[in-house]
Protein backbone atom coordinates (compact mmCIF):
# COMPACT_ATOMS: atom_id res chain seq x y z
CA MET A 1 0.00 0.00 0.00
CA SER A 2 1.28 3.55 -0.87
CA TYR A 3 1.32 6.57 1.32
CA SER A 4 1.06 10.16 0.15
CA ILE A 5 0.08 13.64 1.34
CA TYR A 6 -3.55 12.94 0.39
CA ASP A 7 -4.09 10.46 3.29
CA LEU A 8 -1.92 12.22 5.85
CA ASN A 9 -4.95 12.65 8.14
CA THR A 10 -5.36 8.88 8.43
CA ARG A 11 -1.69 7.75 8.22
CA ILE A 12 0.07 10.50 10.16
CA SER A 13 1.22 8.07 12.84
CA ASN A 14 3.23 5.99 10.34
CA LEU A 15 4.55 9.10 8.59
CA GLN A 16 5.85 10.58 11.83
CA SER A 17 8.28 7.74 12.21
CA THR A 18 10.18 8.84 9.04
CA VAL A 19 10.31 12.60 9.57
CA SER A 20 12.27 14.56 12.12
CA GLY A 21 9.37 16.79 13.01
CA ILE A 22 6.19 18.45 11.93
CA THR A 23 6.15 22.18 12.01
CA PRO A 24 2.95 24.19 11.89
CA LEU A 25 2.47 26.68 9.16
CA ILE A 26 3.85 30.13 9.81
CA PRO A 27 1.16 32.59 8.78
CA SER A 28 3.66 35.38 8.18
CA LEU A 29 5.46 33.26 5.55
CA ARG A 30 2.48 32.08 3.50
CA PRO A 31 -1.31 32.43 3.36
CA PRO A 32 -3.54 30.01 5.24
CA PRO A 33 -3.88 26.58 3.60
CA THR A 34 -6.96 25.72 1.63
CA SER A 35 -6.55 21.97 2.31
CA ASN A 36 -4.58 19.63 4.50
CA GLU A 37 -0.88 20.41 4.12
CA LEU A 38 2.27 19.08 5.72
CA VAL A 39 5.38 21.17 6.10
CA VAL A 40 8.55 19.12 6.75
CA VAL A 41 11.84 20.68 7.84
CA ASP A 42 14.12 18.03 6.21
CA THR A 43 12.73 15.14 4.11
CA ILE A 44 9.49 13.44 3.26
CA VAL A 45 9.72 9.73 2.42
CA VAL A 46 6.87 7.96 0.63
CA ALA A 47 7.02 4.19 0.14
CA ASP A 48 4.74 1.22 -0.58
CA THR A 49 5.71 -0.57 2.63
CA TYR A 50 7.31 0.27 5.85
CA PRO A 51 10.05 -0.28 6.94
CA ALA A 52 11.13 -1.97 3.59
CA PHE A 53 10.65 1.31 1.61
CA ASN A 54 9.76 -0.38 -1.67
CA ASN A 55 9.16 2.02 -4.62
CA LEU A 56 10.67 4.76 -2.54
CA THR A 57 10.02 8.45 -3.15
CA THR A 58 11.88 11.12 -1.18
CA ILE A 59 11.24 14.83 -1.12
CA ASN A 60 13.74 17.28 0.36
CA PRO A 61 14.31 21.02 -0.09
CA THR A 62 16.66 20.52 -3.11
CA GLN A 63 15.24 17.58 -5.08
CA ILE A 64 12.65 14.84 -5.55
CA ASP A 65 13.77 11.22 -6.02
CA ILE A 66 11.49 8.49 -7.36
CA GLY A 67 12.86 4.92 -7.20
CA ASP A 68 11.61 1.44 -8.07
CA THR A 69 11.16 -1.59 -5.86
CA ALA A 70 14.76 -2.79 -6.08
CA GLY A 71 16.19 0.68 -5.94
CA LEU A 72 17.88 0.21 -9.37
CA SER A 73 15.89 2.69 -11.43
CA ASN A 74 15.65 6.25 -10.29
CA THR A 75 14.21 9.58 -11.39
CA THR A 76 15.56 12.74 -9.78
CA LEU A 77 14.17 16.26 -10.13
CA SER A 78 16.35 19.03 -8.73
CA ASN A 79 16.52 22.81 -9.10
CA ASN A 80 18.41 22.66 -12.46
CA GLN A 81 18.22 19.05 -13.61
CA LEU A 82 15.92 16.12 -14.33
CA SER A 83 17.71 12.77 -14.24
CA ILE A 84 16.19 9.45 -15.36
CA ALA A 85 18.31 6.35 -14.87
CA THR A 86 17.94 2.57 -14.91
CA ASN A 87 20.07 -0.25 -13.53
CA SER A 88 21.70 1.73 -10.71
CA GLY A 89 22.66 4.75 -12.82
CA VAL A 90 23.35 2.88 -16.11
CA ASN A 91 21.58 4.26 -19.21
CA GLU A 92 20.99 7.65 -17.69
CA VAL A 93 19.10 10.58 -19.22
CA ARG A 94 19.70 14.08 -17.85
CA ILE A 95 17.87 17.26 -18.74
CA ARG A 96 19.47 20.52 -17.67
CA PRO A 97 19.02 24.13 -18.73
CA VAL A 98 22.20 23.89 -20.86
CA ASP A 99 22.08 20.34 -22.25
CA LEU A 100 20.32 16.99 -22.69
CA THR A 101 22.55 13.96 -21.93
CA PHE A 102 22.13 10.27 -22.73
CA ASN A 103 24.81 8.23 -20.97
CA ASP A 104 25.63 4.54 -20.56
CA THR A 105 27.73 4.78 -17.41
CA ALA A 106 28.80 1.13 -17.66
CA THR A 107 30.74 1.78 -20.90
CA THR A 108 31.06 5.57 -20.60
CA ALA A 109 29.34 5.88 -23.98
CA GLY A 110 27.02 8.79 -24.24
CA ALA A 111 25.37 11.57 -26.19
CA ILE A 112 25.12 15.21 -25.13
CA TYR A 113 22.82 17.79 -26.67
CA GLU A 114 23.97 21.30 -25.73
CA LEU A 115 22.93 24.75 -26.79
CA GLY A 116 26.02 24.87 -29.03
CA GLY A 117 26.18 21.32 -30.35
CA LEU A 118 25.75 17.54 -30.09
CA THR A 119 28.45 15.19 -28.76
CA ILE A 120 28.33 11.39 -29.22
CA ASP A 121 30.94 9.26 -27.42
CA SER A 122 31.37 5.49 -27.72
CA GLY A 123 33.19 5.31 -24.38
CA GLY A 124 36.32 6.76 -22.83
CA SER A 125 36.32 9.65 -25.33
CA VAL A 126 37.06 7.07 -28.09
CA ASN A 127 35.27 7.42 -31.45
CA LEU A 128 33.90 10.80 -30.52
CA ALA A 129 31.49 12.70 -32.77
CA GLU A 130 30.70 16.37 -32.21
CA LEU A 131 28.13 18.46 -34.05
CA LYS A 132 28.33 22.17 -33.37
CA VAL A 133 26.99 25.30 -34.94
CA THR A 134 30.27 25.80 -36.82
CA ASP A 135 31.53 22.26 -37.51
CA LEU A 136 31.04 18.48 -37.42
CA THR A 137 33.96 16.47 -35.97
CA PHE A 138 34.69 12.72 -35.85
CA ASN A 139 37.60 11.56 -33.68
CA ASP A 140 38.66 8.01 -32.73
CA ASN A 141 41.10 9.29 -30.05
CA THR A 142 44.07 7.61 -31.80
CA GLY A 143 45.10 10.60 -33.85
CA ALA A 144 42.63 10.09 -36.67
CA ASN A 145 40.21 12.95 -37.02
CA SER A 146 37.64 14.35 -39.44
CA SER A 147 36.32 17.87 -39.14
CA TYR A 148 33.64 19.44 -41.33
CA ARG A 149 33.29 23.20 -40.95
CA LEU A 150 31.47 26.00 -42.69
CA ASP A 151 34.79 27.18 -44.21
CA GLY A 152 36.37 23.78 -44.90
CA SER A 153 36.93 20.14 -43.94
CA THR A 154 39.87 18.23 -42.43
CA VAL A 155 40.50 14.46 -42.54
CA SER A 156 43.53 12.89 -40.80
CA ASN A 157 44.68 9.45 -39.68
CA VAL A 158 47.05 8.03 -37.08
CA GLY A 159 50.08 8.20 -39.39
CA GLY A 160 49.81 11.96 -39.75
CA TYR A 161 48.27 11.99 -43.22
CA VAL A 162 45.92 14.98 -43.43
CA SER A 163 43.52 16.15 -46.11
CA TYR A 164 42.01 19.65 -46.14
CA LEU A 165 39.08 20.88 -48.18
CA ASP A 166 38.08 24.51 -48.01
CA PRO A 167 36.45 26.95 -50.46
CA SER A 168 39.80 27.75 -52.11
CA GLU A 169 41.75 24.46 -52.24
CA LEU A 170 42.01 20.73 -51.60
CA ARG A 171 45.26 19.81 -49.81
CA PHE A 172 46.87 16.44 -49.05
CA THR A 173 49.66 16.25 -46.46
CA ALA A 174 51.83 13.21 -45.67
CA THR A 175 53.68 12.53 -42.44
CA ILE A 176 55.85 15.62 -42.85
CA SER A 177 54.43 19.09 -43.24
CA THR A 178 56.57 19.89 -46.31
CA ASN A 179 55.15 16.94 -48.22
CA GLN A 180 51.95 18.60 -49.37
CA SER A 181 50.02 18.35 -52.62
CA PHE A 182 47.09 20.65 -53.21
CA LEU A 183 44.53 21.53 -55.83
CA GLN A 184 43.42 25.14 -56.15
CA ALA A 185 41.03 26.93 -58.48
CA SER A 186 43.65 27.45 -61.22
CA ALA A 187 46.61 25.24 -60.26
CA LEU A 188 47.66 21.78 -59.11
CA THR A 189 50.82 21.40 -56.99
CA LEU A 190 52.38 17.96 -56.45
CA THR A 191 55.35 17.35 -54.15
CA ASP A 192 57.11 14.61 -52.20
CA GLY A 193 58.82 17.16 -49.96
CA ILE A 194 61.88 17.32 -52.26
CA ILE A 195 60.67 17.79 -55.82
CA THR A 196 57.71 20.09 -56.50
CA ASN A 197 55.77 20.39 -59.73
CA THR A 198 53.02 22.96 -60.26
CA ILE A 199 50.57 22.85 -63.14
CA ASP A 200 48.28 25.84 -63.55
CA LYS A 201 45.80 26.84 -66.24
CA ASN A 202 48.53 28.42 -68.39
CA ASP A 203 51.86 26.90 -67.39
CA ARG A 204 53.77 24.32 -65.40
CA THR A 205 56.94 24.69 -63.31
CA GLY A 206 59.29 22.28 -61.63
CA ASN A 207 60.11 18.72 -62.57
CA ILE A 208 58.07 15.87 -63.99
CA ARG A 209 58.72 12.41 -62.60
CA SER A 210 60.22 9.94 -65.04
CA GLU A 211 60.87 6.21 -64.85
CA ASN A 212 63.60 4.07 -66.36
CA THR A 213 62.49 1.18 -68.54
CA LYS A 214 64.09 -1.39 -70.83
CA ALA A 215 60.79 -2.95 -71.85
CA ASN A 216 60.80 -4.43 -75.33
CA LEU A 217 57.80 -2.34 -76.36
CA THR A 218 56.99 0.57 -78.62
CA HIS A 219 57.02 3.89 -76.75
CA TYR A 220 55.94 7.14 -78.39
CA LEU A 221 58.12 10.28 -78.13
CA GLY A 222 56.59 13.53 -76.91
CA PHE A 223 57.06 16.88 -78.65
CA PHE A 224 55.75 20.47 -78.68
CA ASP A 225 54.64 22.89 -81.40
CA ASN A 226 57.45 25.40 -80.79
CA SER A 227 60.80 25.75 -79.00
CA ALA A 228 60.07 29.03 -77.24
CA THR A 229 60.09 29.17 -73.44
CA GLY A 230 56.54 29.04 -72.20
CA TYR A 231 53.76 26.54 -72.18
CA GLY A 232 52.27 24.16 -74.68
CA HIS A 233 50.47 20.88 -74.99
CA PRO A 234 52.65 17.74 -75.01
CA GLN A 235 51.88 15.75 -78.16
CA LYS A 236 52.85 12.44 -79.76
CA ASN A 237 52.52 10.65 -83.08
CA ALA A 238 52.26 6.98 -84.00
CA VAL A 239 55.15 7.17 -86.52
CA LEU A 240 57.70 8.63 -84.07
CA SER A 241 58.59 5.98 -81.51
CA CYS A 242 61.40 4.23 -79.70
CA ASN A 243 62.09 0.79 -78.28
CA PRO A 244 64.38 1.08 -75.23
CA SER A 245 65.14 -2.63 -75.29
CA THR A 246 66.78 -2.42 -78.74
CA ASN A 247 67.82 1.27 -78.55
CA THR A 248 65.83 1.87 -81.73
CA ILE A 249 64.18 5.14 -82.76
CA THR A 250 61.66 4.82 -85.58
CA ALA A 251 60.54 7.65 -87.88
CA THR A 252 59.71 8.07 -91.54
CA THR A 253 62.31 10.81 -92.19
CA PHE A 254 65.40 12.09 -90.36
CA SER A 255 66.62 15.65 -91.03
CA GLY A 256 69.91 17.18 -89.90
CA ASN A 257 73.52 16.12 -89.40
CA ALA A 258 74.47 12.98 -87.54
CA THR A 259 77.74 14.20 -85.99
CA SER A 260 78.06 11.92 -82.99
CA SER A 261 80.49 9.06 -83.56
CA SER A 262 78.33 6.83 -81.43
CA THR A 263 75.32 7.24 -83.69
CA ALA A 264 76.72 8.10 -87.16
CA THR A 265 79.03 5.13 -87.78
CA GLY A 266 76.39 3.00 -89.42
CA VAL A 267 72.81 2.62 -90.50
CA ASN A 268 70.57 -0.39 -90.81
CA LEU A 269 70.07 -1.70 -94.36
CA THR A 270 67.20 -3.67 -95.83
CA SER A 271 67.80 -6.37 -98.42
CA ASP A 272 66.06 -5.65 -101.74
CA ASN A 273 66.59 -7.17 -105.19
CA THR A 274 63.62 -5.54 -106.87
CA SER A 275 64.12 -4.60 -110.51
CA GLY A 276 63.99 -0.85 -111.02
CA THR A 277 66.00 2.34 -111.20
CA TYR A 278 67.49 3.42 -107.87
CA PHE A 279 69.68 6.45 -107.27
CA LEU A 280 73.03 6.26 -105.50
CA PRO A 281 73.81 8.79 -102.74
CA PHE A 282 76.95 10.94 -102.88
CA SER A 283 78.58 13.77 -100.93
CA LYS A 284 79.72 17.15 -102.27
CA THR A 285 82.64 17.41 -99.86
CA ALA A 286 85.45 15.19 -98.59
CA ASN A 287 84.70 16.03 -94.95
CA ALA A 288 84.66 13.06 -92.61
CA THR A 289 81.73 14.38 -90.54
CA GLY A 290 78.63 16.50 -91.00
CA ASN A 291 78.10 15.70 -94.67
CA THR A 292 74.76 15.95 -96.44
CA LEU A 293 73.92 13.13 -98.84
CA PHE A 294 72.61 13.88 -102.34
CA ILE A 295 71.29 11.94 -105.35
CA ASP A 296 71.26 12.75 -109.08
CA ASN A 297 67.76 12.03 -110.29
CA ALA A 298 67.40 14.84 -112.83
CA THR A 299 69.97 14.87 -115.67
CA GLY A 300 72.29 11.98 -116.58
CA PRO A 301 71.27 10.10 -113.45
CA LEU A 302 73.66 7.85 -111.60
CA SER A 303 71.46 4.87 -110.95
CA TYR A 304 71.54 1.21 -110.13
CA ASN A 305 69.28 -1.75 -110.82
CA PRO A 306 69.83 -4.36 -108.10
CA SER A 307 67.98 -7.04 -110.04
CA THR A 308 70.41 -6.90 -113.00
CA SER A 309 73.45 -5.44 -111.18
CA ASN A 310 73.38 -2.71 -113.78
CA LEU A 311 75.09 0.57 -112.83
CA THR A 312 74.17 3.45 -115.14
CA ALA A 313 76.03 6.71 -115.63
CA SER A 314 76.88 9.01 -118.53
CA LEU A 315 80.63 8.63 -118.15
CA PHE A 316 83.16 6.48 -116.30
CA SER A 317 86.62 7.82 -115.42
CA GLY A 318 89.44 5.51 -114.35
CA ASN A 319 90.30 1.87 -114.86
CA ILE A 320 87.56 -0.63 -115.53
CA ILE A 321 87.94 -4.19 -114.31
CA TRP A 322 85.84 -6.57 -116.40
CA GLY A 323 84.02 -9.50 -114.97
CA ASN A 324 85.53 -12.98 -115.49
CA ASN A 325 82.36 -14.46 -116.97
CA GLN A 326 81.35 -14.19 -120.65
CA ASN A 327 78.47 -15.01 -122.96
CA THR A 328 78.16 -18.03 -125.17
CA ALA A 329 77.32 -17.27 -128.78
CA THR A 330 75.10 -19.64 -130.79
CA PHE A 331 75.40 -20.92 -134.38
CA ALA A 332 72.53 -22.33 -136.42
CA GLY A 333 72.62 -22.91 -140.18
CA THR A 334 74.77 -20.05 -141.40
CA THR A 335 73.81 -17.49 -138.69
CA LEU A 336 76.03 -16.60 -135.73
CA THR A 337 74.04 -14.98 -132.87
CA ILE A 338 75.88 -12.77 -130.37
CA SER A 339 74.47 -10.94 -127.31
CA GLY A 340 75.96 -7.94 -125.55
CA ALA A 341 73.84 -8.43 -122.43
CA LEU A 342 74.93 -9.29 -118.91
CA SER A 343 72.22 -10.65 -116.61
CA GLY A 344 69.63 -9.41 -119.08
CA ALA A 345 70.97 -5.85 -119.29
CA SER A 346 72.82 -4.35 -122.25
CA ILE A 347 76.40 -3.39 -121.47
CA SER A 348 79.10 -1.60 -123.46
CA VAL A 349 81.80 -4.27 -123.32
CA ARG A 350 81.12 -7.97 -123.50
CA ASN A 351 83.07 -11.05 -124.59
CA SER A 352 81.53 -14.21 -126.02
CA SER A 353 82.78 -17.57 -127.33
CA ILE A 354 81.56 -20.29 -129.69
CA VAL A 355 82.68 -23.82 -130.62
CA ILE A 356 81.50 -24.86 -134.07
CA THR A 357 81.34 -28.54 -134.87
CA GLY A 358 80.32 -30.73 -137.86
CA GLY A 359 81.89 -30.68 -141.30
CA SER A 360 82.48 -27.52 -143.34
CA ASN A 361 80.48 -24.47 -142.12
CA THR A 362 79.86 -20.92 -143.35
CA ILE A 363 78.99 -17.76 -141.40
CA SER A 364 76.99 -15.61 -143.79
CA ALA A 365 74.79 -13.67 -141.31
CA LEU A 366 75.09 -12.14 -137.84
CA THR A 367 72.30 -11.55 -135.31
CA LEU A 368 73.47 -8.91 -132.79
CA ASN A 369 71.38 -8.47 -129.64
CA ASN A 370 71.59 -6.08 -126.65
CA MET A 371 74.48 -4.04 -127.99
CA VAL A 372 74.69 -0.34 -127.19
CA ALA A 373 76.25 2.60 -129.01
CA ASN A 374 80.00 2.95 -128.45
CA GLY A 375 80.10 -0.63 -127.23
CA VAL A 376 82.93 -3.04 -128.00
CA TYR A 377 82.27 -6.77 -128.27
CA LYS A 378 84.53 -9.73 -129.01
CA VAL A 379 83.80 -13.33 -130.03
CA GLY A 380 86.36 -16.13 -129.73
CA ILE A 381 85.78 -18.93 -132.31
CA LEU A 382 87.02 -22.51 -132.32
CA ASN A 383 86.48 -24.47 -135.56
CA ASN A 384 86.10 -27.97 -134.20
CA GLY A 385 84.60 -29.28 -137.45
CA THR A 386 86.22 -31.53 -140.04
CA GLY A 387 86.20 -28.87 -142.77
CA ASN A 388 86.91 -25.15 -143.11
CA LEU A 389 84.82 -22.48 -141.43
CA THR A 390 84.21 -19.70 -143.96
CA VAL A 391 83.43 -16.15 -142.72
CA ASN A 392 81.77 -14.07 -145.45
CA THR A 393 81.08 -10.35 -145.88
CA GLY A 394 77.53 -8.94 -146.23
CA LEU A 395 76.51 -10.23 -142.83
CA GLY A 396 73.40 -8.03 -142.41
CA ALA A 397 71.91 -4.53 -142.42
CA ASN A 398 74.29 -1.86 -141.11
CA ILE A 399 76.90 -4.55 -140.46
CA ARG A 400 80.08 -3.37 -142.14
CA THR A 401 83.22 -5.57 -142.37
CA ILE A 402 86.76 -4.34 -142.32
CA TYR A 403 87.94 -7.40 -144.23
CA THR A 404 87.03 -7.13 -147.90
CA GLY A 405 86.54 -10.74 -148.81
CA GLY A 406 85.59 -13.99 -147.16
CA PHE A 407 88.27 -15.99 -145.41
CA ASN A 408 88.61 -19.46 -143.88
CA ILE A 409 89.40 -20.76 -140.44
CA ALA A 410 90.95 -24.18 -140.88
CA PRO A 411 89.77 -27.20 -138.83
CA GLY A 412 91.19 -27.15 -135.29
CA ARG A 413 92.15 -23.46 -135.60
CA TYR A 414 90.99 -20.45 -133.54
CA GLY A 415 89.53 -17.25 -134.86
CA LEU A 416 88.59 -13.83 -133.42
CA MET A 417 85.73 -11.50 -134.39
CA THR A 418 85.37 -7.94 -133.04
CA ILE A 419 82.28 -5.74 -133.22
CA ASP A 420 82.39 -1.99 -132.60
CA VAL A 421 79.08 -0.14 -132.40
CA ILE A 422 79.35 3.39 -133.79
CA VAL A 423 76.60 5.89 -134.61
CA ILE A 424 77.27 7.57 -137.96
CA ASN A 425 74.81 10.15 -139.27
CA SER A 426 72.26 9.04 -136.68
CA VAL A 427 72.54 5.45 -137.90
CA THR A 428 73.90 2.73 -135.63
CA ASN A 429 76.62 0.83 -137.49
CA TYR A 430 78.24 -2.43 -136.46
CA ILE A 431 81.88 -2.55 -137.59
CA VAL A 432 83.03 -6.18 -137.81
CA ASN A 433 86.52 -7.52 -138.24
CA ALA A 434 87.62 -11.19 -138.13
CA TRP A 435 90.90 -13.19 -138.25
CA GLU A 436 92.18 -16.69 -138.17
CA LEU A 437 94.61 -16.90 -135.27
CA THR A 438 97.93 -18.65 -135.39
CA ASN A 439 98.51 -21.78 -133.37
């Protein structure tokens, strides 16, 4: 059964045992009562049972306490605070003029609502969150911290790495204060504390990090539009590349002098035997370095055909060494056929030979192929027949003999025929002479 001020008239005897005294009302201090009132000098105790004091309520001049049967939960109202707690003070709620607090006293975790902010603590000031009028802060009490303010934000960790974000820049700081990289409205600054590189909207200063590589890959070389000091866009092209593994630079055309002995001593060549006219390079000076190469592809070209090994020029000066191979002439009926070609190309000097067999034979016609103006051609003849070999005059159109009548080359004897090609009055003439040689 409960006791309260409303049944004081009937339970006053029990109540007197818990109070130090009952004092009458003092008329000078307050107006006369309108109902039954009890004025207690020290404390009023109200409980369900006596003397166990279950569900105890105490009233004293400074506060009111309301407790449960076991005395574990408690509500306290004082002059400046209302406190509600369970489990002997664990999970406490406090309301004061300046703040509202939720607190788990067993783990020291809590939340505080103040006039200037909100604080949430997971226990022992670890993993603390604070919300104030000017900022929001998260702190795990190990050195890591995040702060969000009206004018900027800060994020840091235990190792000393800090990031700042404010209206003018974003900044990243490593373990040392000089190692800062930051992004501003018109510039980006990157640094490791030693080397600093700044890139802004118009320019860049400092150094750019590079890496060594020997990878067997194609890398493209960077270049700029002009050589003036200032700024420009780095560019590259698929045809200008290098392979650091083979020390090879690839481009369609190289311009300038190769003066370094380490790079100008040789060039790579590609095998090609294609038939065609190709122009040989030459130099205008005898200098050992810094020469420009030229070709004659306009008048009287100096050219070469790799398929036929034919070198073409208007004039040759100096000694000529002839090749050690010669053509083989052919003889059919009474016609001797001679070619001035070498590997399919007409040349100015060419030797041939022929062995004629059978009985008696006569050369009464010549077929001359691939002979050029001003050319000189010789034919060695062996008469290996059983009868004479007769060489006549009147051998063909524009073929003119120096000998005036036919002559014989006896069996087993050698003979020689020469042919000079001369242009007379715009007509190509073949001047032929022939002899029987002595044994």
